Protein backbone atom coordinates (compact mmCIF):
# COMPACT_ATOMS: atom_id res chain seq x y z
CA MET A 1 -69.18 -115.00 50.04
CA SER A 2 -67.64 -112.54 52.93
CA ASN A 3 -64.46 -110.66 53.07
CA HIS A 4 -63.01 -110.23 55.68
CA ILE A 5 -60.59 -107.84 57.59
CA HIS A 6 -57.77 -108.00 59.73
CA LEU A 7 -56.88 -105.46 61.22
CA ASN A 8 -53.16 -105.32 63.26
CA LEU A 9 -53.61 -102.66 66.38
CA ILE A 10 -50.63 -103.14 67.93
CA LYS A 11 -48.00 -101.49 67.72
CA ASP A 12 -44.30 -102.78 66.76
CA GLU A 13 -43.28 -101.84 70.29
CA GLU A 14 -46.05 -102.75 71.82
CA ILE A 15 -44.57 -106.11 70.53
CA VAL A 16 -44.15 -109.47 72.35
CA SER A 17 -40.95 -111.96 71.23
CA PRO A 18 -42.52 -115.24 72.64
CA SER A 19 -39.42 -116.28 74.08
CA PRO A 20 -39.44 -116.16 77.44
CA ILE A 21 -35.88 -114.49 78.13
CA ARG A 22 -35.51 -111.21 76.21
CA SER A 23 -33.17 -110.35 73.53
CA GLN A 24 -31.83 -107.41 76.15
CA ILE A 25 -30.55 -110.04 78.56
CA ILE A 26 -29.51 -112.32 76.35
CA ALA A 27 -27.08 -109.81 74.41
CA PRO A 28 -25.18 -109.22 77.79
CA ILE A 29 -24.99 -112.44 79.17
CA ALA A 30 -23.40 -113.91 75.84
CA VAL A 31 -21.16 -110.99 75.90
CA ALA A 32 -19.99 -111.64 79.69
CA ILE A 33 -19.75 -115.42 78.64
CA ILE A 34 -17.60 -114.63 75.60
CA THR A 35 -15.48 -112.08 77.53
CA VAL A 36 -14.82 -114.77 80.54
CA GLY A 37 -13.76 -117.61 77.77
CA VAL A 38 -11.55 -115.16 76.47
CA LEU A 39 -10.04 -114.57 79.34
CA VAL A 40 -9.87 -118.31 80.47
CA TRP A 41 -8.23 -119.18 77.45
CA TRP A 42 -5.79 -116.14 77.74
CA LEU A 43 -4.66 -117.06 81.53
CA PHE A 44 -4.06 -120.63 80.18
CA LEU A 45 -2.13 -119.55 77.23
CA SER A 46 0.21 -117.42 79.49
CA PHE A 47 0.20 -120.22 81.63
CA GLN A 48 1.41 -122.27 79.26
CA TYR A 49 3.87 -120.19 78.11
CA SER A 50 4.89 -119.59 81.30
CA ASN A 51 5.53 -123.08 81.92
CA VAL A 52 7.87 -123.32 77.81
CA LYS A 53 9.69 -120.19 78.88
CA ASN A 54 10.87 -121.61 82.75
CA LEU A 55 10.94 -125.25 80.43
CA THR A 56 13.48 -123.74 77.76
CA ASN A 57 15.49 -121.95 81.00
CA GLN A 58 15.90 -125.05 82.97
CA ASN A 59 16.99 -126.87 79.69
CA LYS A 60 20.04 -124.00 78.95
CA GLU A 61 20.95 -124.62 82.47
CA PHE A 62 21.34 -128.51 81.53
CA ARG A 63 22.97 -127.71 78.65
CA THR A 64 25.11 -125.54 79.93
CA GLN A 65 25.89 -127.71 83.34
CA LEU A 66 26.25 -130.41 80.56
CA GLN A 67 28.86 -129.12 78.45
CA THR A 68 30.77 -128.31 81.21
CA SER A 69 30.90 -132.01 82.31
CA TYR A 70 31.35 -133.18 78.88
CA LYS A 71 34.75 -131.09 78.48
CA SER A 72 35.41 -132.09 82.29
CA VAL A 73 34.73 -135.90 81.36
CA LEU A 74 36.96 -135.24 77.29
CA ALA A 75 40.70 -133.75 79.39
CA LEU A 76 39.84 -136.19 81.22
CA THR A 77 39.99 -138.80 78.63
CA ALA A 78 42.72 -137.08 77.55
CA GLU A 79 44.50 -137.18 80.86
CA GLU A 80 43.99 -141.28 81.42
CA GLU A 81 45.44 -142.09 77.63
CA SER A 82 48.48 -139.87 78.39
CA LEU A 83 49.23 -141.83 81.73
CA GLY A 84 48.37 -145.19 79.94
CA ALA A 85 50.85 -144.54 77.43
CA LEU A 86 52.89 -143.53 79.70
CA THR A 87 52.85 -145.86 81.87
CA ALA A 88 52.85 -148.42 79.28
CA GLN A 89 55.99 -147.23 78.37
CA ILE A 90 57.73 -147.08 81.09
CA LYS A 91 56.71 -150.89 82.10
CA ALA A 92 58.12 -151.55 78.47
CA TYR A 93 61.31 -149.85 79.31
CA GLN A 94 61.69 -151.38 82.85
CA GLY A 95 61.31 -155.11 80.67
CA SER A 96 63.97 -154.19 78.33
CA LYS A 97 66.48 -152.86 80.52
CA VAL A 98 70.42 -153.12 78.61
CA ARG A 99 72.51 -154.84 82.19
CA TYR A 100 76.24 -152.47 80.89
CA ALA A 101 77.46 -153.66 84.84
CA GLU A 102 78.08 -157.04 84.73
CA ALA A 103 79.97 -156.94 81.12
CA LEU A 104 81.67 -153.57 82.18
CA LYS A 105 83.58 -154.44 85.27
CA ASN A 106 85.25 -157.31 83.31
CA ILE A 107 87.05 -154.80 80.81
CA PRO A 108 90.02 -153.93 83.71
CA ASP A 109 91.50 -157.38 82.86
CA HIS A 110 91.53 -157.29 79.63
CA VAL A 111 93.63 -153.71 78.75
CA LEU A 112 97.09 -155.16 78.11
CA PRO A 113 99.48 -152.40 80.27
CA ASN A 114 100.03 -149.91 77.24
CA ILE A 115 96.27 -149.07 76.70
CA GLN A 116 94.97 -145.77 78.61
CA LEU A 117 90.70 -145.78 78.60
CA THR A 118 89.88 -142.52 78.86
CA GLN A 119 86.02 -142.26 78.34
CA LEU A 120 83.08 -144.80 78.14
CA GLU A 121 80.27 -143.49 76.70
CA ILE A 122 77.05 -145.05 76.51
CA PRO A 123 75.17 -142.74 73.60
CA HIS A 124 71.75 -140.93 74.83
CA PRO A 125 68.08 -143.12 73.52
CA PRO A 126 66.32 -141.52 70.12
CA LEU A 127 63.32 -138.92 70.56
CA PRO A 128 60.77 -139.60 72.96
CA LEU A 129 58.64 -142.17 70.99
CA LEU A 130 55.24 -140.37 72.40
CA GLU A 131 54.40 -137.96 70.18
CA LYS A 132 52.42 -134.43 70.72
CA ASP A 133 49.34 -135.22 69.22
CA LYS A 134 49.18 -138.94 69.35
CA HIS A 135 49.29 -141.13 72.51
CA SER A 136 51.11 -144.30 72.19
CA ALA A 137 50.59 -147.70 74.15
CA GLY A 138 54.34 -147.79 73.83
CA PRO A 139 57.33 -147.80 72.29
CA THR A 140 56.54 -148.04 68.74
CA ASN A 141 59.26 -150.65 68.12
CA LYS A 142 59.24 -153.98 68.70
CA THR A 143 63.35 -153.32 69.47
CA GLU A 144 66.11 -150.95 69.82
CA LEU A 145 69.60 -151.14 69.32
CA ALA A 146 71.91 -149.99 72.11
CA LYS A 147 75.54 -149.71 72.13
CA PHE A 148 78.36 -147.97 74.01
CA ILE A 149 81.47 -146.38 72.78
CA ILE A 150 85.39 -146.93 74.45
CA THR A 151 88.16 -143.80 74.34
CA GLY A 152 91.14 -144.45 74.78
CA ARG A 153 95.31 -144.03 73.42
CA THR A 154 97.91 -146.56 73.67
CA SER A 155 101.61 -146.04 72.61
CA GLY A 156 104.75 -147.98 72.13
CA ALA A 157 105.87 -150.31 69.34
CA ASN A 158 102.75 -152.86 69.58
CA ALA A 159 100.07 -149.87 69.61
CA PHE A 160 98.30 -151.05 66.91
CA ASP A 161 98.35 -154.75 67.74
CA ALA A 162 97.46 -153.82 71.58
CA VAL A 163 94.50 -152.25 70.67
CA ASP A 164 93.53 -155.03 67.73
CA HIS A 165 93.90 -157.66 70.72
CA PHE A 166 91.81 -155.23 73.20
CA LEU A 167 88.81 -155.07 70.17
CA ASN A 168 88.90 -159.38 70.21
CA ASP A 169 88.74 -159.74 73.63
CA LEU A 170 85.31 -157.59 73.34
CA LYS A 171 83.84 -160.10 70.88
CA LYS A 172 84.60 -163.31 73.80
CA ALA A 173 83.24 -164.00 76.86
CA PRO A 174 82.05 -163.06 79.18
CA PHE A 175 81.47 -159.77 76.93
CA THR A 176 78.97 -162.13 74.95
CA ASN A 177 76.17 -161.90 76.74
CA LEU A 178 76.25 -158.19 75.89
CA ILE A 179 78.10 -157.35 73.04
CA GLN A 180 76.80 -158.71 69.69
CA SER A 181 79.99 -156.78 67.59
CA THR A 182 82.41 -154.07 67.73
CA HIS A 183 84.29 -152.01 65.49
CA ILE A 184 87.16 -149.01 65.21
CA PRO A 185 84.72 -146.37 63.01
CA LYS A 186 86.37 -144.72 60.05
CA GLY A 187 88.56 -142.36 61.02
CA ALA A 188 88.52 -143.38 64.66
CA MET A 189 92.34 -144.36 65.11
CA ARG A 190 94.66 -141.66 64.28
CA PRO A 191 98.21 -140.32 66.26
CA GLU A 192 97.32 -138.13 69.52
CA LYS A 193 100.46 -135.42 70.38
CA THR A 194 101.14 -134.40 73.69
CA ARG A 195 102.34 -131.15 74.82
CA ASN A 196 104.14 -132.62 77.82
CA ARG A 197 108.11 -132.42 78.00
CA ASP A 198 108.84 -135.32 76.56
CA ASP A 199 106.76 -134.92 73.54
CA LYS A 200 106.06 -138.84 73.37
CA GLU A 201 103.13 -139.58 70.60
CA TYR A 202 100.21 -141.47 71.08
CA LEU A 203 97.63 -143.55 69.05
CA ARG A 204 93.81 -142.57 69.84
CA PHE A 205 91.41 -145.20 68.81
CA GLU A 206 87.84 -145.71 69.28
CA ILE A 207 85.53 -148.76 69.91
CA GLU A 208 81.99 -149.01 69.37
CA CYS A 209 80.09 -151.66 70.75
CA ASN A 210 77.11 -152.83 69.72
CA CYS A 211 75.15 -154.08 72.39
CA THR A 212 72.23 -156.78 72.06
CA PRO A 213 68.65 -155.15 70.88
CA ARG A 214 66.39 -153.85 73.70
CA ARG A 215 63.23 -156.13 73.22
CA PHE A 216 60.34 -154.67 73.68
CA GLU A 217 57.97 -157.20 74.31
């Protein structure tokens, strides 16, 4: 049996790759492709970032405009509630007027000659029913008391009788449509001395008349 000896006479640098494309060409192309890919990816990310940034700025502007509009809506809503409550109160008071004139014009016919009326006072109504920070749809109570005060003086031997007669007349027609009750408050009938030459003494009195309650219904 003969031995075969294989001799490789080709130097390493003379060895040719069986691939038709050499590694010296593949490496630059691969680097170029990777570089282009990275560049395209970076451009894509930059474009996306720019879009996101623009959307964020638009959202901020929109929120600012929306907050301004929302505040305006709240202010208009509060004003509408206030005006609505005021309108409701005006309507309630229009429907609850106390008709003083028809009754008061008849008072002179019931005043005796020795009585002199000096003042007729209709007290101011209670404080406004609308609270500062709370809007009401109208008066807080369904009814409200109304009254007026007659002040005068009388003289003579029948001074007390004259006042009593006048007081009783106010409880009868034609005052019954307005006046529910009358009374002289404690201490409201007292003597009064004038400083005239005759130094005449009078009897001063006050009569409080409670009227039909005002109804806000």
